[in-house]
Amino acid sequence: MLSISSQIIKLAIQSNEEMREGHIKEVASQELFRSLMGQGSGPEKVITYMTKSHYGGTELVYVTSKHKEPLSTLTNSKTLSSRHVEALKDLGFELKKE
């Protein structure tokens, strides 16, 4: 009986973590949506970034503005790919290098 209880508790914890992760992604999406709803190209629509090259490889794009956490959550990465950059531009964001 103890092992069945342990399994139920384990499943409940796993389910709770999955729900929390889904909520975090939903909140990040809402924050980006709110940014998109702004008029013109105000500060909320400007994403600042820096690039780093590791061992002479391709340059990686790291977001440094307030959009850092929501974008990291949505992309599951600390860096933006060229596809991410193009999608953000298509959505009306302006990207500025530090």
PDB file of N, CA and C in Angstrom:
ATOM      1  N   MET A   1       0.818  -1.189   0.000  1.00  0.00           N
ATOM      2  CA  MET A   1       0.000   0.000   0.000  1.00  0.00           C
ATOM      3  C   MET A   1       0.865   1.258   0.000  1.00  0.00           C
ATOM      4  N   LEU A   2       1.996   1.209   0.683  1.00  0.00           N
ATOM      5  CA  LEU A   2       2.885   2.353   0.724  1.00  0.00           C
ATOM      6  C   LEU A   2       3.414   2.684  -0.672  1.00  0.00           C
ATOM      7  N   SER A   3       3.737   1.666  -1.464  1.00  0.00           N
ATOM      8  CA  SER A   3       4.276   1.934  -2.791  1.00  0.00           C
ATOM      9  C   SER A   3       3.213   2.551  -3.706  1.00  0.00           C
ATOM     10  N   ILE A   4       1.955   2.144  -3.551  1.00  0.00           N
ATOM     11  CA  ILE A   4       0.885   2.741  -4.359  1.00  0.00           C
ATOM     12  C   ILE A   4       0.713   4.197  -3.954  1.00  0.00           C
ATOM     13  N   SER A   5       0.750   4.493  -2.665  1.00  0.00           N
ATOM     14  CA  SER A   5       0.643   5.876  -2.200  1.00  0.00           C
ATOM     15  C   SER A   5       1.806   6.705  -2.715  1.00  0.00           C
ATOM     16  N   SER A   6       2.990   6.138  -2.681  1.00  0.00           N
ATOM     17  CA  SER A   6       4.162   6.849  -3.177  1.00  0.00           C
ATOM     18  C   SER A   6       4.020   7.163  -4.659  1.00  0.00           C
ATOM     19  N   GLN A   7       3.499   6.219  -5.415  1.00  0.00           N
ATOM     20  CA  GLN A   7       3.308   6.444  -6.854  1.00  0.00           C
ATOM     21  C   GLN A   7       2.258   7.525  -7.095  1.00  0.00           C
ATOM     22  N   ILE A   8       1.191   7.519  -6.317  1.00  0.00           N
ATOM     23  CA  ILE A   8       0.145   8.533  -6.468  1.00  0.00           C
ATOM     24  C   ILE A   8       0.703   9.909  -6.146  1.00  0.00           C
ATOM     25  N   ILE A   9       1.481  10.009  -5.071  1.00  0.00           N
ATOM     26  CA  ILE A   9       2.089  11.283  -4.692  1.00  0.00           C
ATOM     27  C   ILE A   9       3.050  11.751  -5.777  1.00  0.00           C
ATOM     28  N   LYS A  10       3.837  10.830  -6.310  1.00  0.00           N
ATOM     29  CA  LYS A  10       4.787  11.167  -7.368  1.00  0.00           C
ATOM     30  C   LYS A  10       4.049  11.698  -8.603  1.00  0.00           C
ATOM     31  N   LEU A  11       2.956  11.035  -8.988  1.00  0.00           N
ATOM     32  CA  LEU A  11       2.168  11.485 -10.140  1.00  0.00           C
ATOM     33  C   LEU A  11       1.528  12.848  -9.880  1.00  0.00           C
ATOM     34  N   ALA A  12       1.056  13.067  -8.654  1.00  0.00           N
ATOM     35  CA  ALA A  12       0.455  14.353  -8.307  1.00  0.00           C
ATOM     36  C   ALA A  12       1.486  15.471  -8.397  1.00  0.00           C
ATOM     37  N   ILE A  13       2.690  15.227  -7.902  1.00  0.00           N
ATOM     38  CA  ILE A  13       3.761  16.229  -7.957  1.00  0.00           C
ATOM     39  C   ILE A  13       4.132  16.512  -9.410  1.00  0.00           C
ATOM     40  N   GLN A  14       4.269  15.461 -10.211  1.00  0.00           N
ATOM     41  CA  GLN A  14       4.622  15.624 -11.623  1.00  0.00           C
ATOM     42  C   GLN A  14       3.538  16.418 -12.348  1.00  0.00           C
ATOM     43  N   SER A  15       2.281  16.108 -12.079  1.00  0.00           N
ATOM     44  CA  SER A  15       1.173  16.814 -12.707  1.00  0.00           C
ATOM     45  C   SER A  15       1.182  18.289 -12.317  1.00  0.00           C
ATOM     46  N   ASN A  16       1.441  18.571 -11.037  1.00  0.00           N
ATOM     47  CA  ASN A  16       1.496  19.945 -10.559  1.00  0.00           C
ATOM     48  C   ASN A  16       2.619  20.711 -11.252  1.00  0.00           C
ATOM     49  N   GLU A  17       3.788  20.088 -11.412  1.00  0.00           N
ATOM     50  CA  GLU A  17       4.914  20.743 -12.082  1.00  0.00           C
ATOM     51  C   GLU A  17       4.593  21.028 -13.542  1.00  0.00           C
ATOM     52  N   GLU A  18       3.921  20.098 -14.217  1.00  0.00           N
ATOM     53  CA  GLU A  18       3.547  20.303 -15.615  1.00  0.00           C
ATOM     54  C   GLU A  18       2.540  21.439 -15.739  1.00  0.00           C
ATOM     55  N   MET A  19       1.587  21.503 -14.806  1.00  0.00           N
ATOM     56  CA  MET A  19       0.605  22.590 -14.831  1.00  0.00           C
ATOM     57  C   MET A  19       1.296  23.931 -14.593  1.00  0.00           C
ATOM     58  N   ARG A  20       2.252  23.983 -13.652  1.00  0.00           N
ATOM     59  CA  ARG A  20       2.972  25.217 -13.354  1.00  0.00           C
ATOM     60  C   ARG A  20       3.781  25.666 -14.574  1.00  0.00           C
ATOM     61  N   GLU A  21       4.439  24.715 -15.239  1.00  0.00           N
ATOM     62  CA  GLU A  21       5.221  25.057 -16.430  1.00  0.00           C
ATOM     63  C   GLU A  21       4.305  25.601 -17.530  1.00  0.00           C
ATOM     64  N   GLY A  22       3.146  24.985 -17.703  1.00  0.00           N
ATOM     65  CA  GLY A  22       2.180  25.473 -18.691  1.00  0.00           C
ATOM     66  C   GLY A  22       1.701  26.866 -18.341  1.00  0.00           C
ATOM     67  N   HIS A  23       1.482  27.131 -17.055  1.00  0.00           N
ATOM     68  CA  HIS A  23       1.038  28.455 -16.614  1.00  0.00           C
ATOM     69  C   HIS A  23       2.113  29.491 -16.886  1.00  0.00           C
ATOM     70  N   ILE A  24       3.374  29.154 -16.623  1.00  0.00           N
ATOM     71  CA  ILE A  24       4.482  30.085 -16.857  1.00  0.00           C
ATOM     72  C   ILE A  24       4.545  30.450 -18.342  1.00  0.00           C
ATOM     73  N   LYS A  25       4.399  29.455 -19.215  1.00  0.00           N
ATOM     74  CA  LYS A  25       4.425  29.735 -20.651  1.00  0.00           C
ATOM     75  C   LYS A  25       3.237  30.604 -21.062  1.00  0.00           C
ATOM     76  N   GLU A  26       2.075  30.355 -20.455  1.00  0.00           N
ATOM     77  CA  GLU A  26       0.896  31.149 -20.767  1.00  0.00           C
ATOM     78  C   GLU A  26       1.096  32.600 -20.338  1.00  0.00           C
ATOM     79  N   VAL A  27       1.654  32.814 -19.151  1.00  0.00           N
ATOM     80  CA  VAL A  27       1.918  34.166 -18.660  1.00  0.00           C
ATOM     81  C   VAL A  27       2.917  34.866 -19.576  1.00  0.00           C
ATOM     82  N   ALA A  28       3.960  34.154 -20.002  1.00  0.00           N
ATOM     83  CA  ALA A  28       4.958  34.742 -20.902  1.00  0.00           C
ATOM     84  C   ALA A  28       4.309  35.140 -22.224  1.00  0.00           C
ATOM     85  N   SER A  29       3.420  34.302 -22.740  1.00  0.00           N
ATOM     86  CA  SER A  29       2.712  34.613 -23.978  1.00  0.00           C
ATOM     87  C   SER A  29       1.848  35.855 -23.801  1.00  0.00           C
ATOM     88  N   GLN A  30       1.179  35.954 -22.663  1.00  0.00           N
ATOM     89  CA  GLN A  30       0.336  37.111 -22.393  1.00  0.00           C
ATOM     90  C   GLN A  30       1.160  38.386 -22.310  1.00  0.00           C
ATOM     91  N   GLU A  31       2.345  38.313 -21.698  1.00  0.00           N
ATOM     92  CA  GLU A  31       3.206  39.491 -21.602  1.00  0.00           C
ATOM     93  C   GLU A  31       3.636  39.957 -22.990  1.00  0.00           C
ATOM     94  N   LEU A  32       4.009  39.021 -23.845  1.00  0.00           N
ATOM     95  CA  LEU A  32       4.395  39.400 -25.204  1.00  0.00           C
ATOM     96  C   LEU A  32       3.199  39.962 -25.965  1.00  0.00           C
ATOM     97  N   PHE A  33       2.014  39.371 -25.767  1.00  0.00           N
ATOM     98  CA  PHE A  33       0.812  39.860 -26.439  1.00  0.00           C
ATOM     99  C   PHE A  33       0.520  41.292 -26.009  1.00  0.00           C
ATOM    100  N   ARG A  34       0.637  41.566 -24.695  1.00  0.00           N
ATOM    101  CA  ARG A  34       0.410  42.930 -24.205  1.00  0.00           C
ATOM    102  C   ARG A  34       1.404  43.894 -24.841  1.00  0.00           C
ATOM    103  N   SER A  35       2.647  43.456 -24.998  1.00  0.00           N
ATOM    104  CA  SER A  35       3.646  44.304 -25.639  1.00  0.00           C
ATOM    105  C   SER A  35       3.254  44.597 -27.082  1.00  0.00           C
ATOM    106  N   LEU A  36       2.711  43.601 -27.752  1.00  0.00           N
ATOM    107  CA  LEU A  36       2.307  43.775 -29.147  1.00  0.00           C
ATOM    108  C   LEU A  36       1.137  44.738 -29.292  1.00  0.00           C
ATOM    109  N   MET A  37       0.321  44.835 -28.265  1.00  0.00           N
ATOM    110  CA  MET A  37      -0.864  45.680 -28.350  1.00  0.00           C
ATOM    111  C   MET A  37      -0.535  47.159 -28.208  1.00  0.00           C
ATOM    112  N   GLY A  38       0.698  47.481 -27.832  1.00  0.00           N
ATOM    113  CA  GLY A  38       1.106  48.883 -27.706  1.00  0.00           C
ATOM    114  C   GLY A  38       1.073  49.568 -29.060  1.00  0.00           C
ATOM    115  N   GLN A  39       0.895  50.880 -29.061  1.00  0.00           N
ATOM    116  CA  GLN A  39       0.857  51.652 -30.299  1.00  0.00           C
ATOM    117  C   GLN A  39       2.269  52.002 -30.750  1.00  0.00           C
ATOM    118  N   GLY A  40       2.476  52.106 -32.044  1.00  0.00           N
ATOM    119  CA  GLY A  40       3.762  52.532 -32.597  1.00  0.00           C
ATOM    120  C   GLY A  40       4.901  51.606 -32.225  1.00  0.00           C
ATOM    121  N   SER A  41       6.078  52.180 -32.072  1.00  0.00           N
ATOM    122  CA  SER A  41       7.243  51.378 -31.712  1.00  0.00           C
ATOM    123  C   SER A  41       7.821  51.885 -30.401  1.00  0.00           C
ATOM    124  N   GLY A  42       6.969  51.984 -29.403  1.00  0.00           N
ATOM    125  CA  GLY A  42       7.384  52.468 -28.088  1.00  0.00           C
ATOM    126  C   GLY A  42       8.405  51.538 -27.463  1.00  0.00           C
ATOM    127  N   PRO A  43       8.865  51.912 -26.278  1.00  0.00           N
ATOM    128  CA  PRO A  43       9.906  51.130 -25.609  1.00  0.00           C
ATOM    129  C   PRO A  43       9.518  49.672 -25.379  1.00  0.00           C
ATOM    130  N   GLU A  44       8.222  49.394 -25.213  1.00  0.00           N
ATOM    131  CA  GLU A  44       7.805  48.013 -24.969  1.00  0.00           C
ATOM    132  C   GLU A  44       7.978  47.121 -26.191  1.00  0.00           C
ATOM    133  N   LYS A  45       8.144  47.721 -27.356  1.00  0.00           N
ATOM    134  CA  LYS A  45       8.303  46.939 -28.580  1.00  0.00           C
ATOM    135  C   LYS A  45       9.755  46.875 -29.047  1.00  0.00           C
ATOM    136  N   VAL A  46      10.673  47.361 -28.224  1.00  0.00           N
ATOM    137  CA  VAL A  46      12.092  47.326 -28.562  1.00  0.00           C
ATOM    138  C   VAL A  46      12.766  46.257 -27.702  1.00  0.00           C
ATOM    139  N   ILE A  47      13.391  45.317 -28.360  1.00  0.00           N
ATOM    140  CA  ILE A  47      14.113  44.250 -27.674  1.00  0.00           C
ATOM    141  C   ILE A  47      15.595  44.508 -27.856  1.00  0.00           C
ATOM    142  N   THR A  48      16.295  44.711 -26.744  1.00  0.00           N
ATOM    143  CA  THR A  48      17.741  44.903 -26.838  1.00  0.00           C
ATOM    144  C   THR A  48      18.425  43.548 -26.658  1.00  0.00           C
ATOM    145  N   TYR A  49      19.562  43.414 -27.334  1.00  0.00           N
ATOM    146  CA  TYR A  49      20.279  42.139 -27.296  1.00  0.00           C
ATOM    147  C   TYR A  49      21.777  42.366 -27.416  1.00  0.00           C
ATOM    148  N   MET A  50      22.514  41.330 -27.096  1.00  0.00           N
ATOM    149  CA  MET A  50      23.958  41.315 -27.329  1.00  0.00           C
ATOM    150  C   MET A  50      24.302  40.000 -28.004  1.00  0.00           C
ATOM    151  N   THR A  51      25.414  39.966 -28.667  1.00  0.00           N
ATOM    152  CA  THR A  51      25.836  38.728 -29.319  1.00  0.00           C
ATOM    153  C   THR A  51      27.153  38.261 -28.716  1.00  0.00           C
ATOM    154  N   LYS A  52      27.307  36.962 -28.711  1.00  0.00           N
ATOM    155  CA  LYS A  52      28.556  36.351 -28.251  1.00  0.00           C
ATOM    156  C   LYS A  52      28.918  35.250 -29.232  1.00  0.00           C
ATOM    157  N   SER A  53      30.202  35.120 -29.476  1.00  0.00           N
ATOM    158  CA  SER A  53      30.702  34.052 -30.326  1.00  0.00           C
ATOM    159  C   SER A  53      31.568  33.146 -29.456  1.00  0.00           C
ATOM    160  N   HIS A  54      31.271  31.871 -29.471  1.00  0.00           N
ATOM    161  CA  HIS A  54      32.026  30.918 -28.667  1.00  0.00           C
ATOM    162  C   HIS A  54      32.961  30.104 -29.566  1.00  0.00           C
ATOM    163  N   TYR A  55      34.224  30.190 -29.282  1.00  0.00           N
ATOM    164  CA  TYR A  55      35.249  29.444 -30.019  1.00  0.00           C
ATOM    165  C   TYR A  55      35.204  29.706 -31.521  1.00  0.00           C
ATOM    166  N   GLY A  56      34.925  30.944 -31.902  1.00  0.00           N
ATOM    167  CA  GLY A  56      34.931  31.319 -33.305  1.00  0.00           C
ATOM    168  C   GLY A  56      33.748  30.800 -34.098  1.00  0.00           C
ATOM    169  N   GLY A  57      32.763  30.248 -33.427  1.00  0.00           N
ATOM    170  CA  GLY A  57      31.574  29.733 -34.108  1.00  0.00           C
ATOM    171  C   GLY A  57      30.591  30.839 -34.441  1.00  0.00           C
ATOM    172  N   THR A  58      29.376  30.448 -34.722  1.00  0.00           N
ATOM    173  CA  THR A  58      28.362  31.431 -35.061  1.00  0.00           C
ATOM    174  C   THR A  58      28.051  32.304 -33.852  1.00  0.00           C
ATOM    175  N   GLU A  59      27.605  33.519 -34.123  1.00  0.00           N
ATOM    176  CA  GLU A  59      27.253  34.433 -33.049  1.00  0.00           C
ATOM    177  C   GLU A  59      25.898  34.046 -32.477  1.00  0.00           C
ATOM    178  N   LEU A  60      25.827  34.034 -31.155  1.00  0.00           N
ATOM    179  CA  LEU A  60      24.577  33.728 -30.464  1.00  0.00           C
ATOM    180  C   LEU A  60      23.945  35.022 -29.992  1.00  0.00           C
ATOM    181  N   VAL A  61      22.629  35.111 -30.094  1.00  0.00           N
ATOM    182  CA  VAL A  61      21.895  36.312 -29.718  1.00  0.00           C
ATOM    183  C   VAL A  61      21.296  36.120 -28.327  1.00  0.00           C
ATOM    184  N   TYR A  62      21.685  36.987 -27.379  1.00  0.00           N
ATOM    185  CA  TYR A  62      21.178  36.963 -26.002  1.00  0.00           C
ATOM    186  C   TYR A  62      20.337  38.211 -25.765  1.00  0.00           C
ATOM    187  N   VAL A  63      19.088  38.048 -25.365  1.00  0.00           N
ATOM    188  CA  VAL A  63      18.206  39.177 -25.068  1.00  0.00           C
ATOM    189  C   VAL A  63      18.625  39.792 -23.735  1.00  0.00           C
ATOM    190  N   THR A  64      18.693  41.126 -23.687  1.00  0.00           N
ATOM    191  CA  THR A  64      19.086  41.820 -22.456  1.00  0.00           C
ATOM    192  C   THR A  64      17.972  42.716 -21.910  1.00  0.00           C
ATOM    193  N   SER A  65      16.896  42.887 -22.658  1.00  0.00           N
ATOM    194  CA  SER A  65      15.804  43.759 -22.212  1.00  0.00           C
ATOM    195  C   SER A  65      14.823  43.005 -21.325  1.00  0.00           C
ATOM    196  N   LYS A  66      13.744  43.694 -20.936  1.00  0.00           N
ATOM    197  CA  LYS A  66      12.734  43.106 -20.055  1.00  0.00           C
ATOM    198  C   LYS A  66      12.045  41.891 -20.687  1.00  0.00           C
ATOM    199  N   HIS A  67      12.218  41.694 -21.962  1.00  0.00           N
ATOM    200  CA  HIS A  67      11.607  40.569 -22.671  1.00  0.00           C
ATOM    201  C   HIS A  67      12.386  39.269 -22.477  1.00  0.00           C
ATOM    202  N   LYS A  68      13.495  39.344 -21.779  1.00  0.00           N
ATOM    203  CA  LYS A  68      14.410  38.201 -21.635  1.00  0.00           C
ATOM    204  C   LYS A  68      13.701  36.950 -21.100  1.00  0.00           C
ATOM    205  N   GLU A  69      13.045  37.070 -19.958  1.00  0.00           N
ATOM    206  CA  GLU A  69      12.412  35.907 -19.331  1.00  0.00           C
ATOM    207  C   GLU A  69      11.253  35.346 -20.159  1.00  0.00           C
ATOM    208  N   PRO A  70      10.311  36.191 -20.626  1.00  0.00           N
ATOM    209  CA  PRO A  70       9.218  35.631 -21.440  1.00  0.00           C
ATOM    210  C   PRO A  70       9.715  34.939 -22.707  1.00  0.00           C
ATOM    211  N   LEU A  71      10.719  35.530 -23.369  1.00  0.00           N
ATOM    212  CA  LEU A  71      11.243  34.911 -24.587  1.00  0.00           C
ATOM    213  C   LEU A  71      11.979  33.618 -24.275  1.00  0.00           C
ATOM    214  N   SER A  72      12.699  33.599 -23.180  1.00  0.00           N
ATOM    215  CA  SER A  72      13.397  32.388 -22.765  1.00  0.00           C
ATOM    216  C   SER A  72      12.399  31.266 -22.480  1.00  0.00           C
ATOM    217  N   THR A  73      11.295  31.616 -21.839  1.00  0.00           N
ATOM    218  CA  THR A  73      10.259  30.625 -21.538  1.00  0.00           C
ATOM    219  C   THR A  73       9.609  30.101 -22.814  1.00  0.00           C
ATOM    220  N   LEU A  74       9.299  30.993 -23.731  1.00  0.00           N
ATOM    221  CA  LEU A  74       8.628  30.583 -24.966  1.00  0.00           C
ATOM    222  C   LEU A  74       9.529  29.764 -25.884  1.00  0.00           C
ATOM    223  N   THR A  75      10.818  30.107 -25.934  1.00  0.00           N
ATOM    224  CA  THR A  75      11.727  29.416 -26.855  1.00  0.00           C
ATOM    225  C   THR A  75      12.466  28.254 -26.207  1.00  0.00           C
ATOM    226  N   ASN A  76      12.349  28.130 -24.883  1.00  0.00           N
ATOM    227  CA  ASN A  76      13.093  27.106 -24.133  1.00  0.00           C
ATOM    228  C   ASN A  76      14.592  27.227 -24.362  1.00  0.00           C
ATOM    229  N   SER A  77      15.056  28.467 -24.507  1.00  0.00           N
ATOM    230  CA  SER A  77      16.476  28.717 -24.761  1.00  0.00           C
ATOM    231  C   SER A  77      16.838  30.115 -24.278  1.00  0.00           C
ATOM    232  N   LYS A  78      18.095  30.291 -23.886  1.00  0.00           N
ATOM    233  CA  LYS A  78      18.564  31.615 -23.501  1.00  0.00           C
ATOM    234  C   LYS A  78      18.956  32.443 -24.725  1.00  0.00           C
ATOM    235  N   THR A  79      19.091  31.777 -25.863  1.00  0.00           N
ATOM    236  CA  THR A  79      19.488  32.469 -27.087  1.00  0.00           C
ATOM    237  C   THR A  79      18.359  32.443 -28.100  1.00  0.00           C
ATOM    238  N   LEU A  80      18.406  33.394 -29.033  1.00  0.00           N
ATOM    239  CA  LEU A  80      17.418  33.446 -30.110  1.00  0.00           C
ATOM    240  C   LEU A  80      18.059  32.955 -31.404  1.00  0.00           C
ATOM    241  N   SER A  81      17.327  32.145 -32.128  1.00  0.00           N
ATOM    242  CA  SER A  81      17.806  31.695 -33.433  1.00  0.00           C
ATOM    243  C   SER A  81      17.425  32.742 -34.478  1.00  0.00           C
ATOM    244  N   SER A  82      17.922  32.590 -35.674  1.00  0.00           N
ATOM    245  CA  SER A  82      17.563  33.523 -36.745  1.00  0.00           C
ATOM    246  C   SER A  82      16.062  33.455 -37.035  1.00  0.00           C
ATOM    247  N   ARG A  83      15.454  32.277 -36.872  1.00  0.00           N
ATOM    248  CA  ARG A  83      13.991  32.144 -37.057  1.00  0.00           C
ATOM    249  C   ARG A  83      13.244  32.935 -35.997  1.00  0.00           C
ATOM    250  N   HIS A  84      13.736  32.894 -34.748  1.00  0.00           N
ATOM    251  CA  HIS A  84      13.104  33.657 -33.676  1.00  0.00           C
ATOM    252  C   HIS A  84      13.172  35.157 -33.976  1.00  0.00           C
ATOM    253  N   VAL A  85      14.345  35.611 -34.405  1.00  0.00           N
ATOM    254  CA  VAL A  85      14.547  37.029 -34.701  1.00  0.00           C
ATOM    255  C   VAL A  85      13.601  37.473 -35.805  1.00  0.00           C
ATOM    256  N   GLU A  86      13.503  36.694 -36.861  1.00  0.00           N
ATOM    257  CA  GLU A  86      12.614  37.044 -37.982  1.00  0.00           C
ATOM    258  C   GLU A  86      11.154  37.062 -37.540  1.00  0.00           C
ATOM    259  N   ALA A  87      10.745  36.101 -36.717  1.00  0.00           N
ATOM    260  CA  ALA A  87       9.359  36.055 -36.236  1.00  0.00           C
ATOM    261  C   ALA A  87       9.051  37.281 -35.381  1.00  0.00           C
ATOM    262  N   LEU A  88       9.986  37.677 -34.531  1.00  0.00           N
ATOM    263  CA  LEU A  88       9.780  38.863 -33.703  1.00  0.00           C
ATOM    264  C   LEU A  88       9.655  40.118 -34.555  1.00  0.00           C
ATOM    265  N   LYS A  89      10.465  40.213 -35.594  1.00  0.00           N
ATOM    266  CA  LYS A  89      10.366  41.358 -36.504  1.00  0.00           C
ATOM    267  C   LYS A  89       9.018  41.351 -37.215  1.00  0.00           C
ATOM    268  N   ASP A  90       8.563  40.175 -37.646  1.00  0.00           N
ATOM    269  CA  ASP A  90       7.259  40.061 -38.304  1.00  0.00           C
ATOM    270  C   ASP A  90       6.122  40.481 -37.372  1.00  0.00           C
ATOM    271  N   LEU A  91       6.309  40.282 -36.073  1.00  0.00           N
ATOM    272  CA  LEU A  91       5.294  40.658 -35.084  1.00  0.00           C
ATOM    273  C   LEU A  91       5.366  42.138 -34.711  1.00  0.00           C
ATOM    274  N   GLY A  92       6.318  42.866 -35.283  1.00  0.00           N
ATOM    275  CA  GLY A  92       6.393  44.304 -35.062  1.00  0.00           C
ATOM    276  C   GLY A  92       7.410  44.744 -34.037  1.00  0.00           C
ATOM    277  N   PHE A  93       8.225  43.826 -33.528  1.00  0.00           N
ATOM    278  CA  PHE A  93       9.249  44.207 -32.575  1.00  0.00           C
ATOM    279  C   PHE A  93      10.455  44.765 -33.302  1.00  0.00           C
ATOM    280  N   GLU A  94      11.117  45.688 -32.652  1.00  0.00           N
ATOM    281  CA  GLU A  94      12.374  46.242 -33.178  1.00  0.00           C
ATOM    282  C   GLU A  94      13.487  45.671 -32.315  1.00  0.00           C
ATOM    283  N   LEU A  95      14.536  45.173 -32.937  1.00  0.00           N
ATOM    284  CA  LEU A  95      15.667  44.630 -32.192  1.00  0.00           C
ATOM    285  C   LEU A  95      16.844  45.578 -32.301  1.00  0.00           C
ATOM    286  N   LYS A  96      17.400  45.936 -31.142  1.00  0.00           N
ATOM    287  CA  LYS A  96      18.544  46.854 -31.107  1.00  0.00           C
ATOM    288  C   LYS A  96      19.697  46.182 -30.379  1.00  0.00           C
ATOM    289  N   LYS A  97      20.873  46.233 -31.003  1.00  0.00           N
ATOM    290  CA  LYS A  97      22.063  45.678 -30.397  1.00  0.00           C
ATOM    291  C   LYS A  97      22.630  46.651 -29.379  1.00  0.00           C
ATOM    292  N   GLU A  98      23.064  46.138 -28.228  1.00  0.00           N
ATOM    293  CA  GLU A  98      23.669  46.996 -27.193  1.00  0.00           C
ATOM    294  C   GLU A  98      25.001  47.523 -27.655  1.00  0.00           C
TER     295      GLU A  98
END
